PDB file of N, CA and C in Angstrom:
ATOM      1  N   UNK A   1      56.048 -92.468  74.277  1.00  0.00           N
ATOM      2  CA  UNK A   1      55.898 -91.292  75.113  1.00  0.00           C
ATOM      3  C   UNK A   1      54.550 -91.314  75.817  1.00  0.00           C
ATOM      4  N   UNK A   2      54.514 -90.672  76.941  1.00  0.00           N
ATOM      5  CA  UNK A   2      53.302 -90.608  77.749  1.00  0.00           C
ATOM      6  C   UNK A   2      52.286 -89.620  77.176  1.00  0.00           C
ATOM      7  N   UNK A   3      52.764 -88.550  76.555  1.00  0.00           N
ATOM      8  CA  UNK A   3      51.895 -87.518  75.999  1.00  0.00           C
ATOM      9  C   UNK A   3      52.020 -87.510  74.476  1.00  0.00           C
ATOM     10  N   UNK A   4      50.945 -87.142  73.798  1.00  0.00           N
ATOM     11  CA  UNK A   4      51.003 -87.042  72.343  1.00  0.00           C
ATOM     12  C   UNK A   4      51.586 -85.691  71.942  1.00  0.00           C
ATOM     13  N   UNK A   5      52.095 -85.621  70.727  1.00  0.00           N
ATOM     14  CA  UNK A   5      52.664 -84.360  70.256  1.00  0.00           C
ATOM     15  C   UNK A   5      51.580 -83.296  70.133  1.00  0.00           C
ATOM     16  N   UNK A   6      50.375 -83.712  69.802  1.00  0.00           N
ATOM     17  CA  UNK A   6      49.257 -82.772  69.708  1.00  0.00           C
ATOM     18  C   UNK A   6      48.978 -82.125  71.062  1.00  0.00           C
ATOM     19  N   UNK A   7      48.995 -82.925  72.119  1.00  0.00           N
ATOM     20  CA  UNK A   7      48.738 -82.422  73.466  1.00  0.00           C
ATOM     21  C   UNK A   7      49.864 -81.491  73.933  1.00  0.00           C
ATOM     22  N   UNK A   8      51.099 -81.851  73.642  1.00  0.00           N
ATOM     23  CA  UNK A   8      52.234 -81.029  74.067  1.00  0.00           C
ATOM     24  C   UNK A   8      52.223 -79.695  73.333  1.00  0.00           C
ATOM     25  N   UNK A   9      52.003 -79.725  72.010  1.00  0.00           N
ATOM     26  CA  UNK A   9      51.953 -78.475  71.243  1.00  0.00           C
ATOM     27  C   UNK A   9      50.775 -77.604  71.658  1.00  0.00           C
ATOM     28  N   UNK A  10      49.690 -78.220  72.115  1.00  0.00           N
ATOM     29  CA  UNK A  10      48.528 -77.461  72.567  1.00  0.00           C
ATOM     30  C   UNK A  10      48.800 -76.774  73.897  1.00  0.00           C
ATOM     31  N   UNK A  11      49.509 -77.427  74.802  1.00  0.00           N
ATOM     32  CA  UNK A  11      49.709 -76.920  76.157  1.00  0.00           C
ATOM     33  C   UNK A  11      50.934 -76.016  76.311  1.00  0.00           C
ATOM     34  N   UNK A  12      51.939 -76.167  75.450  1.00  0.00           N
ATOM     35  CA  UNK A  12      53.211 -75.468  75.647  1.00  0.00           C
ATOM     36  C   UNK A  12      53.684 -74.782  74.383  1.00  0.00           C
ATOM     37  N   UNK A  13      54.483 -73.726  74.596  1.00  0.00           N
ATOM     38  CA  UNK A  13      55.352 -73.175  73.558  1.00  0.00           C
ATOM     39  C   UNK A  13      56.759 -73.544  74.005  1.00  0.00           C
ATOM     40  N   UNK A  14      57.517 -74.131  73.117  1.00  0.00           N
ATOM     41  CA  UNK A  14      58.844 -74.635  73.453  1.00  0.00           C
ATOM     42  C   UNK A  14      59.891 -73.747  72.784  1.00  0.00           C
ATOM     43  N   UNK A  15      60.705 -73.084  73.595  1.00  0.00           N
ATOM     44  CA  UNK A  15      61.746 -72.197  73.082  1.00  0.00           C
ATOM     45  C   UNK A  15      63.110 -72.797  73.383  1.00  0.00           C
ATOM     46  N   UNK A  16      63.998 -72.752  72.396  1.00  0.00           N
ATOM     47  CA  UNK A  16      65.323 -73.346  72.520  1.00  0.00           C
ATOM     48  C   UNK A  16      66.377 -72.257  72.334  1.00  0.00           C
ATOM     49  N   UNK A  17      67.360 -72.216  73.231  1.00  0.00           N
ATOM     50  CA  UNK A  17      68.496 -71.299  73.159  1.00  0.00           C
ATOM     51  C   UNK A  17      69.779 -72.107  73.267  1.00  0.00           C
ATOM     52  N   UNK A  18      70.831 -71.635  72.617  1.00  0.00           N
ATOM     53  CA  UNK A  18      72.127 -72.291  72.719  1.00  0.00           C
ATOM     54  C   UNK A  18      72.701 -72.602  71.362  1.00  0.00           C
ATOM     55  N   UNK A  19      73.579 -73.614  71.316  1.00  0.00           N
ATOM     56  CA  UNK A  19      74.182 -74.045  70.067  1.00  0.00           C
ATOM     57  C   UNK A  19      73.901 -75.520  69.846  1.00  0.00           C
ATOM     58  N   UNK A  20      73.679 -75.886  68.594  1.00  0.00           N
ATOM     59  CA  UNK A  20      73.418 -77.286  68.272  1.00  0.00           C
ATOM     60  C   UNK A  20      74.741 -78.027  68.112  1.00  0.00           C
ATOM     61  N   UNK A  21      74.656 -79.329  67.839  1.00  0.00           N
ATOM     62  CA  UNK A  21      75.860 -80.140  67.705  1.00  0.00           C
ATOM     63  C   UNK A  21      76.714 -79.732  66.511  1.00  0.00           C
ATOM     64  N   UNK A  22      76.078 -79.221  65.466  1.00  0.00           N
ATOM     65  CA  UNK A  22      76.835 -78.827  64.281  1.00  0.00           C
ATOM     66  C   UNK A  22      77.265 -77.356  64.309  1.00  0.00           C
ATOM     67  N   UNK A  23      77.099 -76.675  65.438  1.00  0.00           N
ATOM     68  CA  UNK A  23      77.602 -75.321  65.610  1.00  0.00           C
ATOM     69  C   UNK A  23      76.632 -74.200  65.296  1.00  0.00           C
ATOM     70  N   UNK A  24      75.402 -74.521  64.906  1.00  0.00           N
ATOM     71  CA  UNK A  24      74.420 -73.478  64.622  1.00  0.00           C
ATOM     72  C   UNK A  24      73.920 -72.874  65.924  1.00  0.00           C
ATOM     73  N   UNK A  25      73.730 -71.565  65.928  1.00  0.00           N
ATOM     74  CA  UNK A  25      73.156 -70.899  67.094  1.00  0.00           C
ATOM     75  C   UNK A  25      71.648 -71.037  67.035  1.00  0.00           C
ATOM     76  N   UNK A  26      71.044 -71.337  68.170  1.00  0.00           N
ATOM     77  CA  UNK A  26      69.608 -71.531  68.252  1.00  0.00           C
ATOM     78  C   UNK A  26      68.991 -70.495  69.176  1.00  0.00           C
ATOM     79  N   UNK A  27      67.918 -69.900  68.745  1.00  0.00           N
ATOM     80  CA  UNK A  27      67.130 -68.978  69.557  1.00  0.00           C
ATOM     81  C   UNK A  27      65.758 -68.905  68.893  1.00  0.00           C
ATOM     82  N   UNK A  28      64.978 -69.976  69.049  1.00  0.00           N
ATOM     83  CA  UNK A  28      63.744 -70.088  68.283  1.00  0.00           C
ATOM     84  C   UNK A  28      62.708 -70.941  69.001  1.00  0.00           C
ATOM     85  N   UNK A  29      61.463 -70.780  68.576  1.00  0.00           N
ATOM     86  CA  UNK A  29      60.397 -71.655  69.030  1.00  0.00           C
ATOM     87  C   UNK A  29      60.415 -72.915  68.186  1.00  0.00           C
ATOM     88  N   UNK A  30      60.131 -74.058  68.817  1.00  0.00           N
ATOM     89  CA  UNK A  30      60.134 -75.332  68.105  1.00  0.00           C
ATOM     90  C   UNK A  30      58.896 -76.124  68.470  1.00  0.00           C
ATOM     91  N   UNK A  31      58.537 -77.017  67.572  1.00  0.00           N
ATOM     92  CA  UNK A  31      57.472 -77.968  67.832  1.00  0.00           C
ATOM     93  C   UNK A  31      58.055 -79.239  68.417  1.00  0.00           C
ATOM     94  N   UNK A  32      57.194 -80.209  68.652  1.00  0.00           N
ATOM     95  CA  UNK A  32      57.623 -81.454  69.279  1.00  0.00           C
ATOM     96  C   UNK A  32      58.584 -82.229  68.373  1.00  0.00           C
ATOM     97  N   UNK A  33      58.323 -82.267  67.080  1.00  0.00           N
ATOM     98  CA  UNK A  33      59.195 -83.030  66.187  1.00  0.00           C
ATOM     99  C   UNK A  33      60.598 -82.427  66.127  1.00  0.00           C
ATOM    100  N   UNK A  34      60.698 -81.103  66.098  1.00  0.00           N
ATOM    101  CA  UNK A  34      62.002 -80.449  66.049  1.00  0.00           C
ATOM    102  C   UNK A  34      62.805 -80.631  67.322  1.00  0.00           C
ATOM    103  N   UNK A  35      62.147 -80.508  68.453  1.00  0.00           N
ATOM    104  CA  UNK A  35      62.857 -80.661  69.730  1.00  0.00           C
ATOM    105  C   UNK A  35      63.242 -82.117  69.974  1.00  0.00           C
ATOM    106  N   UNK A  36      62.442 -83.058  69.470  1.00  0.00           N
ATOM    107  CA  UNK A  36      62.777 -84.473  69.604  1.00  0.00           C
ATOM    108  C   UNK A  36      64.038 -84.800  68.811  1.00  0.00           C
ATOM    109  N   UNK A  37      64.181 -84.230  67.623  1.00  0.00           N
ATOM    110  CA  UNK A  37      65.400 -84.432  66.835  1.00  0.00           C
ATOM    111  C   UNK A  37      66.613 -83.831  67.524  1.00  0.00           C
ATOM    112  N   UNK A  38      66.423 -82.723  68.214  1.00  0.00           N
ATOM    113  CA  UNK A  38      67.535 -82.006  68.835  1.00  0.00           C
ATOM    114  C   UNK A  38      68.006 -82.659  70.134  1.00  0.00           C
ATOM    115  N   UNK A  39      67.083 -82.985  71.041  1.00  0.00           N
ATOM    116  CA  UNK A  39      67.495 -83.487  72.358  1.00  0.00           C
ATOM    117  C   UNK A  39      67.128 -84.938  72.617  1.00  0.00           C
ATOM    118  N   UNK A  40      66.217 -85.506  71.846  1.00  0.00           N
ATOM    119  CA  UNK A  40      65.833 -86.895  72.047  1.00  0.00           C
ATOM    120  C   UNK A  40      64.525 -87.021  72.813  1.00  0.00           C
ATOM    121  N   UNK A  41      63.910 -88.167  72.659  1.00  0.00           N
ATOM    122  CA  UNK A  41      62.590 -88.396  73.244  1.00  0.00           C
ATOM    123  C   UNK A  41      62.639 -88.531  74.765  1.00  0.00           C
ATOM    124  N   UNK A  42      63.693 -89.113  75.302  1.00  0.00           N
ATOM    125  CA  UNK A  42      63.807 -89.307  76.750  1.00  0.00           C
ATOM    126  C   UNK A  42      63.875 -87.972  77.485  1.00  0.00           C
ATOM    127  N   UNK A  43      64.733 -87.074  76.999  1.00  0.00           N
ATOM    128  CA  UNK A  43      64.853 -85.764  77.637  1.00  0.00           C
ATOM    129  C   UNK A  43      63.567 -84.963  77.496  1.00  0.00           C
ATOM    130  N   UNK A  44      62.925 -85.050  76.336  1.00  0.00           N
ATOM    131  CA  UNK A  44      61.685 -84.311  76.139  1.00  0.00           C
ATOM    132  C   UNK A  44      60.621 -84.773  77.112  1.00  0.00           C
ATOM    133  N   UNK A  45      60.488 -86.077  77.295  1.00  0.00           N
ATOM    134  CA  UNK A  45      59.494 -86.584  78.239  1.00  0.00           C
ATOM    135  C   UNK A  45      59.818 -86.156  79.668  1.00  0.00           C
ATOM    136  N   UNK A  46      61.095 -86.166  80.018  1.00  0.00           N
ATOM    137  CA  UNK A  46      61.517 -85.710  81.351  1.00  0.00           C
ATOM    138  C   UNK A  46      61.182 -84.232  81.552  1.00  0.00           C
ATOM    139  N   UNK A  47      61.442 -83.391  80.546  1.00  0.00           N
ATOM    140  CA  UNK A  47      61.161 -81.961  80.641  1.00  0.00           C
ATOM    141  C   UNK A  47      59.664 -81.682  80.699  1.00  0.00           C
ATOM    142  N   UNK A  48      58.866 -82.431  79.947  1.00  0.00           N
ATOM    143  CA  UNK A  48      57.413 -82.251  79.962  1.00  0.00           C
ATOM    144  C   UNK A  48      56.848 -82.623  81.332  1.00  0.00           C
ATOM    145  N   UNK A  49      57.304 -83.725  81.894  1.00  0.00           N
ATOM    146  CA  UNK A  49      56.851 -84.116  83.229  1.00  0.00           C
ATOM    147  C   UNK A  49      57.224 -83.060  84.262  1.00  0.00           C
ATOM    148  N   UNK A  50      58.427 -82.505  84.153  1.00  0.00           N
ATOM    149  CA  UNK A  50      58.867 -81.455  85.076  1.00  0.00           C
ATOM    150  C   UNK A  50      58.014 -80.198  84.922  1.00  0.00           C
ATOM    151  N   UNK A  51      57.661 -79.853  83.695  1.00  0.00           N
ATOM    152  CA  UNK A  51      56.853 -78.652  83.447  1.00  0.00           C
ATOM    153  C   UNK A  51      55.436 -78.812  83.993  1.00  0.00           C
ATOM    154  N   UNK A  52      54.845 -79.984  83.823  1.00  0.00           N
ATOM    155  CA  UNK A  52      53.501 -80.203  84.375  1.00  0.00           C
ATOM    156  C   UNK A  52      53.514 -80.166  85.904  1.00  0.00           C
ATOM    157  N   UNK A  53      54.592 -80.626  86.520  1.00  0.00           N
ATOM    158  CA  UNK A  53      54.695 -80.603  87.977  1.00  0.00           C
ATOM    159  C   UNK A  53      54.997 -79.197  88.496  1.00  0.00           C
ATOM    160  N   UNK A  54      55.644 -78.382  87.696  1.00  0.00           N
ATOM    161  CA  UNK A  54      56.062 -77.040  88.099  1.00  0.00           C
ATOM    162  C   UNK A  54      54.871 -76.106  88.300  1.00  0.00           C
ATOM    163  N   UNK A  55      53.956 -76.067  87.339  1.00  0.00           N
ATOM    164  CA  UNK A  55      52.744 -75.261  87.379  1.00  0.00           C
ATOM    165  C   UNK A  55      53.002 -73.768  87.555  1.00  0.00           C
ATOM    166  N   UNK A  56      54.096 -73.276  87.014  1.00  0.00           N
ATOM    167  CA  UNK A  56      54.360 -71.842  86.949  1.00  0.00           C
ATOM    168  C   UNK A  56      54.125 -71.388  85.520  1.00  0.00           C
ATOM    169  N   UNK A  57      54.426 -70.133  85.216  1.00  0.00           N
ATOM    170  CA  UNK A  57      54.258 -69.630  83.852  1.00  0.00           C
ATOM    171  C   UNK A  57      55.214 -70.289  82.873  1.00  0.00           C
ATOM    172  N   UNK A  58      56.415 -70.603  83.333  1.00  0.00           N
ATOM    173  CA  UNK A  58      57.397 -71.237  82.469  1.00  0.00           C
ATOM    174  C   UNK A  58      58.276 -72.170  83.289  1.00  0.00           C
ATOM    175  N   UNK A  59      58.889 -73.113  82.588  1.00  0.00           N
ATOM    176  CA  UNK A  59      59.817 -74.050  83.214  1.00  0.00           C
ATOM    177  C   UNK A  59      61.076 -74.090  82.362  1.00  0.00           C
ATOM    178  N   UNK A  60      62.218 -73.797  82.956  1.00  0.00           N
ATOM    179  CA  UNK A  60      63.487 -73.740  82.237  1.00  0.00           C
ATOM    180  C   UNK A  60      64.307 -74.989  82.565  1.00  0.00           C
ATOM    181  N   UNK A  61      64.769 -75.676  81.533  1.00  0.00           N
ATOM    182  CA  UNK A  61      65.580 -76.879  81.688  1.00  0.00           C
ATOM    183  C   UNK A  61      66.856 -76.696  80.880  1.00  0.00           C
ATOM    184  N   UNK A  62      67.999 -76.998  81.490  1.00  0.00           N
ATOM    185  CA  UNK A  62      69.289 -76.794  80.830  1.00  0.00           C
ATOM    186  C   UNK A  62      70.008 -78.128  80.682  1.00  0.00           C
ATOM    187  N   UNK A  63      70.667 -78.292  79.538  1.00  0.00           N
ATOM    188  CA  UNK A  63      71.486 -79.461  79.278  1.00  0.00           C
ATOM    189  C   UNK A  63      72.955 -79.073  79.372  1.00  0.00           C
ATOM    190  N   UNK A  64      73.810 -80.014  79.707  1.00  0.00           N
ATOM    191  CA  UNK A  64      75.239 -79.730  79.850  1.00  0.00           C
ATOM    192  C   UNK A  64      75.893 -79.352  78.540  1.00  0.00           C
ATOM    193  N   UNK A  65      75.306 -79.758  77.422  1.00  0.00           N
ATOM    194  CA  UNK A  65      75.913 -79.458  76.125  1.00  0.00           C
ATOM    195  C   UNK A  65      75.627 -78.049  75.641  1.00  0.00           C
ATOM    196  N   UNK A  66      75.006 -77.213  76.477  1.00  0.00           N
ATOM    197  CA  UNK A  66      74.818 -75.809  76.145  1.00  0.00           C
ATOM    198  C   UNK A  66      73.465 -75.450  75.581  1.00  0.00           C
ATOM    199  N   UNK A  67      72.503 -76.326  75.721  1.00  0.00           N
ATOM    200  CA  UNK A  67      71.164 -76.050  75.210  1.00  0.00           C
ATOM    201  C   UNK A  67      70.240 -75.760  76.388  1.00  0.00           C
ATOM    202  N   UNK A  68      69.470 -74.685  76.262  1.00  0.00           N
ATOM    203  CA  UNK A  68      68.487 -74.319  77.282  1.00  0.00           C
ATOM    204  C   UNK A  68      67.103 -74.415  76.646  1.00  0.00           C
ATOM    205  N   UNK A  69      66.235 -75.216  77.253  1.00  0.00           N
ATOM    206  CA  UNK A  69      64.877 -75.415  76.753  1.00  0.00           C
ATOM    207  C   UNK A  69      63.917 -74.790  77.759  1.00  0.00           C
ATOM    208  N   UNK A  70      63.094 -73.865  77.295  1.00  0.00           N
ATOM    209  CA  UNK A  70      62.113 -73.221  78.139  1.00  0.00           C
ATOM    210  C   UNK A  70      60.729 -73.596  77.643  1.00  0.00           C
ATOM    211  N   UNK A  71      59.897 -74.112  78.538  1.00  0.00           N
ATOM    212  CA  UNK A  71      58.521 -74.487  78.192  1.00  0.00           C
ATOM    213  C   UNK A  71      57.584 -73.469  78.806  1.00  0.00           C
ATOM    214  N   UNK A  72      56.854 -72.763  77.952  1.00  0.00           N
ATOM    215  CA  UNK A  72      55.908 -71.750  78.385  1.00  0.00           C
ATOM    216  C   UNK A  72      54.495 -72.333  78.303  1.00  0.00           C
ATOM    217  N   UNK A  73      53.726 -72.191  79.377  1.00  0.00           N
ATOM    218  CA  UNK A  73      52.327 -72.620  79.337  1.00  0.00           C
ATOM    219  C   UNK A  73      51.529 -71.662  78.482  1.00  0.00           C
ATOM    220  N   UNK A  74      50.576 -72.191  77.760  1.00  0.00           N
ATOM    221  CA  UNK A  74      49.690 -71.345  76.943  1.00  0.00           C
ATOM    222  C   UNK A  74      48.541 -70.865  77.756  1.00  0.00           C
TER     223      UNK A  74
END
């Protein structure tokens, strides 16, 4: 990955909404390790790059499988 987990956790709060693969409902804040297990490292890096380019208060990214990831700047 281009960014370390320490840097990502310092710069963002990551909120996840939707349902996981095993049917659990998600509506919680997650750290880098939790979100990496859920969506994978490739998607996380893509979302982080998009959030840094966005430069708004938050950046919302949606996956087709029903998961919505919102990155809030600290």
